[in-house]
PDB file of N, CA and C in Angstrom:
ATOM      1  N   UNK A   1       0.864  -1.171  -0.006  1.00  0.00           N
ATOM      2  CA  UNK A   1       0.034   0.016   0.055  1.00  0.00           C
ATOM      3  C   UNK A   1       0.856   1.202  -0.055  1.00  0.00           C
ATOM      4  N   UNK A   2       2.003   1.178   0.689  1.00  0.00           N
ATOM      5  CA  UNK A   2       2.880   2.424   0.736  1.00  0.00           C
ATOM      6  C   UNK A   2       3.384   2.737  -0.624  1.00  0.00           C
ATOM      7  N   UNK A   3       4.083   1.819  -1.221  1.00  0.00           N
ATOM      8  CA  UNK A   3       4.689   2.120  -2.579  1.00  0.00           C
ATOM      9  C   UNK A   3       3.631   2.291  -3.568  1.00  0.00           C
ATOM     10  N   UNK A   4       2.546   1.532  -3.633  1.00  0.00           N
ATOM     11  CA  UNK A   4       1.497   1.738  -4.653  1.00  0.00           C
ATOM     12  C   UNK A   4       0.753   3.009  -4.386  1.00  0.00           C
ATOM     13  N   UNK A   5       0.262   3.238  -3.106  1.00  0.00           N
ATOM     14  CA  UNK A   5      -0.527   4.439  -2.741  1.00  0.00           C
ATOM     15  C   UNK A   5       0.229   5.752  -2.904  1.00  0.00           C
ATOM     16  N   UNK A   6       1.375   5.753  -2.231  1.00  0.00           N
ATOM     17  CA  UNK A   6       2.165   6.955  -2.283  1.00  0.00           C
ATOM     18  C   UNK A   6       2.886   7.232  -3.568  1.00  0.00           C
ATOM     19  N   UNK A   7       3.317   6.150  -4.225  1.00  0.00           N
ATOM     20  CA  UNK A   7       4.108   6.274  -5.467  1.00  0.00           C
ATOM     21  C   UNK A   7       3.197   6.497  -6.694  1.00  0.00           C
ATOM     22  N   UNK A   8       1.908   6.060  -6.703  1.00  0.00           N
ATOM     23  CA  UNK A   8       1.128   6.095  -7.807  1.00  0.00           C
ATOM     24  C   UNK A   8      -0.190   6.955  -7.570  1.00  0.00           C
ATOM     25  N   UNK A   9      -0.859   6.474  -6.546  1.00  0.00           N
ATOM     26  CA  UNK A   9      -2.262   7.078  -6.368  1.00  0.00           C
ATOM     27  C   UNK A   9      -2.107   8.586  -5.811  1.00  0.00           C
ATOM     28  N   UNK A  10      -1.375   8.747  -4.821  1.00  0.00           N
ATOM     29  CA  UNK A  10      -1.282  10.048  -4.149  1.00  0.00           C
ATOM     30  C   UNK A  10      -0.024  10.840  -4.519  1.00  0.00           C
ATOM     31  N   UNK A  11       0.647  10.433  -5.677  1.00  0.00           N
ATOM     32  CA  UNK A  11       1.831  10.987  -6.099  1.00  0.00           C
ATOM     33  C   UNK A  11       1.815  12.489  -6.363  1.00  0.00           C
ATOM     34  N   UNK A  12       0.726  13.003  -7.041  1.00  0.00           N
ATOM     35  CA  UNK A  12       0.599  14.452  -7.381  1.00  0.00           C
ATOM     36  C   UNK A  12       0.450  15.241  -6.121  1.00  0.00           C
ATOM     37  N   UNK A  13      -0.322  14.812  -5.077  1.00  0.00           N
ATOM     38  CA  UNK A  13      -0.442  15.486  -3.835  1.00  0.00           C
ATOM     39  C   UNK A  13       0.890  15.560  -3.128  1.00  0.00           C
ATOM     40  N   UNK A  14       1.479  14.417  -2.963  1.00  0.00           N
ATOM     41  CA  UNK A  14       2.677  14.243  -2.084  1.00  0.00           C
ATOM     42  C   UNK A  14       3.940  14.963  -2.823  1.00  0.00           C
ATOM     43  N   UNK A  15       3.908  15.027  -4.139  1.00  0.00           N
ATOM     44  CA  UNK A  15       5.021  15.682  -4.721  1.00  0.00           C
ATOM     45  C   UNK A  15       5.181  17.263  -4.529  1.00  0.00           C
ATOM     46  N   UNK A  16       4.187  17.780  -3.896  1.00  0.00           N
ATOM     47  CA  UNK A  16       4.236  19.183  -3.583  1.00  0.00           C
ATOM     48  C   UNK A  16       5.306  19.413  -2.484  1.00  0.00           C
ATOM     49  N   UNK A  17       5.633  18.466  -1.690  1.00  0.00           N
ATOM     50  CA  UNK A  17       6.663  18.478  -0.674  1.00  0.00           C
ATOM     51  C   UNK A  17       7.911  17.846  -0.962  1.00  0.00           C
ATOM     52  N   UNK A  18       9.003  18.179  -0.346  1.00  0.00           N
ATOM     53  CA  UNK A  18      10.303  17.493  -0.593  1.00  0.00           C
ATOM     54  C   UNK A  18      10.998  17.203   0.695  1.00  0.00           C
ATOM     55  N   UNK A  19      11.660  16.017   0.743  1.00  0.00           N
ATOM     56  CA  UNK A  19      12.508  15.611   1.799  1.00  0.00           C
ATOM     57  C   UNK A  19      13.888  15.349   1.242  1.00  0.00           C
ATOM     58  N   UNK A  20      14.929  16.075   1.745  1.00  0.00           N
ATOM     59  CA  UNK A  20      16.279  15.876   1.258  1.00  0.00           C
ATOM     60  C   UNK A  20      16.433  16.146  -0.219  1.00  0.00           C
ATOM     61  N   UNK A  21      15.672  17.018  -0.773  1.00  0.00           N
ATOM     62  CA  UNK A  21      15.797  17.298  -2.148  1.00  0.00           C
ATOM     63  C   UNK A  21      15.013  16.429  -3.127  1.00  0.00           C
ATOM     64  N   UNK A  22      14.339  15.446  -2.572  1.00  0.00           N
ATOM     65  CA  UNK A  22      13.565  14.469  -3.412  1.00  0.00           C
ATOM     66  C   UNK A  22      12.053  14.728  -3.112  1.00  0.00           C
ATOM     67  N   UNK A  23      11.316  14.554  -4.123  1.00  0.00           N
ATOM     68  CA  UNK A  23       9.827  14.763  -4.025  1.00  0.00           C
ATOM     69  C   UNK A  23       9.292  13.688  -3.016  1.00  0.00           C
ATOM     70  N   UNK A  24       8.320  13.996  -2.257  1.00  0.00           N
ATOM     71  CA  UNK A  24       7.766  13.143  -1.218  1.00  0.00           C
ATOM     72  C   UNK A  24       7.199  11.946  -1.769  1.00  0.00           C
ATOM     73  N   UNK A  25       6.513  11.940  -2.915  1.00  0.00           N
ATOM     74  CA  UNK A  25       5.954  10.739  -3.543  1.00  0.00           C
ATOM     75  C   UNK A  25       7.024   9.702  -3.882  1.00  0.00           C
ATOM     76  N   UNK A  26       8.153  10.246  -4.467  1.00  0.00           N
ATOM     77  CA  UNK A  26       9.228   9.293  -4.803  1.00  0.00           C
ATOM     78  C   UNK A  26       9.899   8.747  -3.535  1.00  0.00           C
ATOM     79  N   UNK A  27      10.022   9.615  -2.480  1.00  0.00           N
ATOM     80  CA  UNK A  27      10.637   9.107  -1.237  1.00  0.00           C
ATOM     81  C   UNK A  27       9.844   8.030  -0.644  1.00  0.00           C
ATOM     82  N   UNK A  28       8.460   8.234  -0.494  1.00  0.00           N
ATOM     83  CA  UNK A  28       7.648   7.185   0.016  1.00  0.00           C
ATOM     84  C   UNK A  28       7.791   5.935  -0.781  1.00  0.00           C
ATOM     85  N   UNK A  29       7.720   5.940  -2.105  1.00  0.00           N
ATOM     86  CA  UNK A  29       7.766   4.773  -2.934  1.00  0.00           C
ATOM     87  C   UNK A  29       9.038   4.035  -2.773  1.00  0.00           C
ATOM     88  N   UNK A  30      10.106   4.735  -2.546  1.00  0.00           N
ATOM     89  CA  UNK A  30      11.430   4.106  -2.460  1.00  0.00           C
ATOM     90  C   UNK A  30      11.880   3.779  -0.966  1.00  0.00           C
ATOM     91  N   UNK A  31      11.934   4.882  -0.147  1.00  0.00           N
ATOM     92  CA  UNK A  31      12.388   4.669   1.197  1.00  0.00           C
ATOM     93  C   UNK A  31      11.316   4.254   2.154  1.00  0.00           C
ATOM     94  N   UNK A  32      10.181   4.851   1.962  1.00  0.00           N
ATOM     95  CA  UNK A  32       9.004   4.702   2.900  1.00  0.00           C
ATOM     96  C   UNK A  32       8.516   3.306   2.943  1.00  0.00           C
ATOM     97  N   UNK A  33       8.591   2.643   1.867  1.00  0.00           N
ATOM     98  CA  UNK A  33       8.132   1.195   1.849  1.00  0.00           C
ATOM     99  C   UNK A  33       9.068   0.285   2.613  1.00  0.00           C
ATOM    100  N   UNK A  34      10.430   0.669   2.652  1.00  0.00           N
ATOM    101  CA  UNK A  34      11.410  -0.090   3.339  1.00  0.00           C
ATOM    102  C   UNK A  34      11.225   0.119   4.827  1.00  0.00           C
ATOM    103  N   UNK A  35      10.985   1.401   5.196  1.00  0.00           N
ATOM    104  CA  UNK A  35      10.642   1.654   6.663  1.00  0.00           C
ATOM    105  C   UNK A  35       9.418   0.928   7.121  1.00  0.00           C
ATOM    106  N   UNK A  36       8.333   0.927   6.342  1.00  0.00           N
ATOM    107  CA  UNK A  36       7.130   0.298   6.792  1.00  0.00           C
ATOM    108  C   UNK A  36       7.339  -1.268   6.855  1.00  0.00           C
ATOM    109  N   UNK A  37       8.135  -1.851   5.968  1.00  0.00           N
ATOM    110  CA  UNK A  37       8.514  -3.247   6.101  1.00  0.00           C
ATOM    111  C   UNK A  37       9.185  -3.525   7.447  1.00  0.00           C
ATOM    112  N   UNK A  38      10.124  -2.671   7.767  1.00  0.00           N
ATOM    113  CA  UNK A  38      10.955  -2.911   9.009  1.00  0.00           C
ATOM    114  C   UNK A  38      10.035  -2.795  10.296  1.00  0.00           C
ATOM    115  N   UNK A  39       9.102  -1.827  10.225  1.00  0.00           N
ATOM    116  CA  UNK A  39       8.122  -1.639  11.320  1.00  0.00           C
ATOM    117  C   UNK A  39       7.161  -2.858  11.401  1.00  0.00           C
ATOM    118  N   UNK A  40       6.773  -3.420  10.261  1.00  0.00           N
ATOM    119  CA  UNK A  40       5.927  -4.587  10.299  1.00  0.00           C
ATOM    120  C   UNK A  40       6.660  -5.895  10.831  1.00  0.00           C
ATOM    121  N   UNK A  41       8.050  -5.880  10.638  1.00  0.00           N
ATOM    122  CA  UNK A  41       8.767  -6.915  11.308  1.00  0.00           C
ATOM    123  C   UNK A  41       8.704  -6.819  12.752  1.00  0.00           C
ATOM    124  N   UNK A  42       8.842  -5.647  13.322  1.00  0.00           N
ATOM    125  CA  UNK A  42       8.942  -5.491  14.718  1.00  0.00           C
ATOM    126  C   UNK A  42       7.605  -5.726  15.318  1.00  0.00           C
ATOM    127  N   UNK A  43       6.500  -5.336  14.684  1.00  0.00           N
ATOM    128  CA  UNK A  43       5.131  -5.662  15.117  1.00  0.00           C
ATOM    129  C   UNK A  43       4.909  -7.189  15.107  1.00  0.00           C
ATOM    130  N   UNK A  44       5.345  -7.859  14.063  1.00  0.00           N
ATOM    131  CA  UNK A  44       5.234  -9.276  14.019  1.00  0.00           C
ATOM    132  C   UNK A  44       6.042 -10.008  15.180  1.00  0.00           C
ATOM    133  N   UNK A  45       7.240  -9.520  15.407  1.00  0.00           N
ATOM    134  CA  UNK A  45       8.005 -10.047  16.532  1.00  0.00           C
ATOM    135  C   UNK A  45       7.326  -9.880  17.889  1.00  0.00           C
ATOM    136  N   UNK A  46       6.778  -8.710  18.072  1.00  0.00           N
ATOM    137  CA  UNK A  46       6.061  -8.422  19.364  1.00  0.00           C
ATOM    138  C   UNK A  46       4.824  -9.340  19.483  1.00  0.00           C
ATOM    139  N   UNK A  47       4.050  -9.461  18.450  1.00  0.00           N
ATOM    140  CA  UNK A  47       2.870 -10.215  18.538  1.00  0.00           C
ATOM    141  C   UNK A  47       3.243 -11.754  18.644  1.00  0.00           C
ATOM    142  N   UNK A  48       4.254 -12.261  18.098  1.00  0.00           N
ATOM    143  CA  UNK A  48       4.590 -13.640  18.187  1.00  0.00           C
ATOM    144  C   UNK A  48       5.187 -13.944  19.601  1.00  0.00           C
ATOM    145  N   UNK A  49       5.865 -12.964  20.115  1.00  0.00           N
ATOM    146  CA  UNK A  49       6.412 -13.093  21.532  1.00  0.00           C
ATOM    147  C   UNK A  49       5.169 -13.212  22.570  1.00  0.00           C
ATOM    148  N   UNK A  50       4.122 -12.373  22.365  1.00  0.00           N
ATOM    149  CA  UNK A  50       2.909 -12.388  23.237  1.00  0.00           C
ATOM    150  C   UNK A  50       2.281 -13.828  23.078  1.00  0.00           C
ATOM    151  N   UNK A  51       2.179 -14.368  21.794  1.00  0.00           N
ATOM    152  CA  UNK A  51       1.563 -15.654  21.657  1.00  0.00           C
ATOM    153  C   UNK A  51       2.458 -16.743  22.356  1.00  0.00           C
ATOM    154  N   UNK A  52       3.707 -16.640  22.172  1.00  0.00           N
ATOM    155  CA  UNK A  52       4.580 -17.630  22.866  1.00  0.00           C
ATOM    156  C   UNK A  52       4.384 -17.606  24.383  1.00  0.00           C
ATOM    157  N   UNK A  53       4.316 -16.443  24.950  1.00  0.00           N
ATOM    158  CA  UNK A  53       4.156 -16.403  26.419  1.00  0.00           C
ATOM    159  C   UNK A  53       2.727 -17.009  26.813  1.00  0.00           C
ATOM    160  N   UNK A  54       1.794 -16.695  25.970  1.00  0.00           N
ATOM    161  CA  UNK A  54       0.385 -17.197  26.223  1.00  0.00           C
ATOM    162  C   UNK A  54       0.285 -18.693  26.283  1.00  0.00           C
ATOM    163  N   UNK A  55       1.054 -19.292  25.379  1.00  0.00           N
ATOM    164  CA  UNK A  55       0.919 -20.821  25.256  1.00  0.00           C
ATOM    165  C   UNK A  55       2.104 -21.500  25.855  1.00  0.00           C
ATOM    166  N   UNK A  56       3.010 -20.799  26.589  1.00  0.00           N
ATOM    167  CA  UNK A  56       4.096 -21.461  27.421  1.00  0.00           C
ATOM    168  C   UNK A  56       5.316 -21.777  26.611  1.00  0.00           C
ATOM    169  N   UNK A  57       5.567 -21.114  25.511  1.00  0.00           N
ATOM    170  CA  UNK A  57       6.740 -21.295  24.764  1.00  0.00           C
ATOM    171  C   UNK A  57       7.800 -20.207  24.841  1.00  0.00           C
ATOM    172  N   UNK A  58       7.692 -19.317  25.855  1.00  0.00           N
ATOM    173  CA  UNK A  58       8.496 -18.243  25.972  1.00  0.00           C
ATOM    174  C   UNK A  58       9.962 -18.644  26.339  1.00  0.00           C
ATOM    175  N   UNK A  59      10.877 -17.881  25.858  1.00  0.00           N
ATOM    176  CA  UNK A  59      12.322 -18.258  26.158  1.00  0.00           C
ATOM    177  C   UNK A  59      12.828 -17.940  27.524  1.00  0.00           C
TER     178      UNK A  59
END
């Protein structure tokens, strides 16, 4: 959703702003999707650790 939405659907609106000399639509499509992926990894880790504790598999 980040790369498709920000890079294609909302590109014209986001390109009005710049980060580090790059248009915001381009930045979200390139860097933003990587950051969102890393955040999703940490969310997954947290949820799996909660499940492990719930069912007695905690380390």
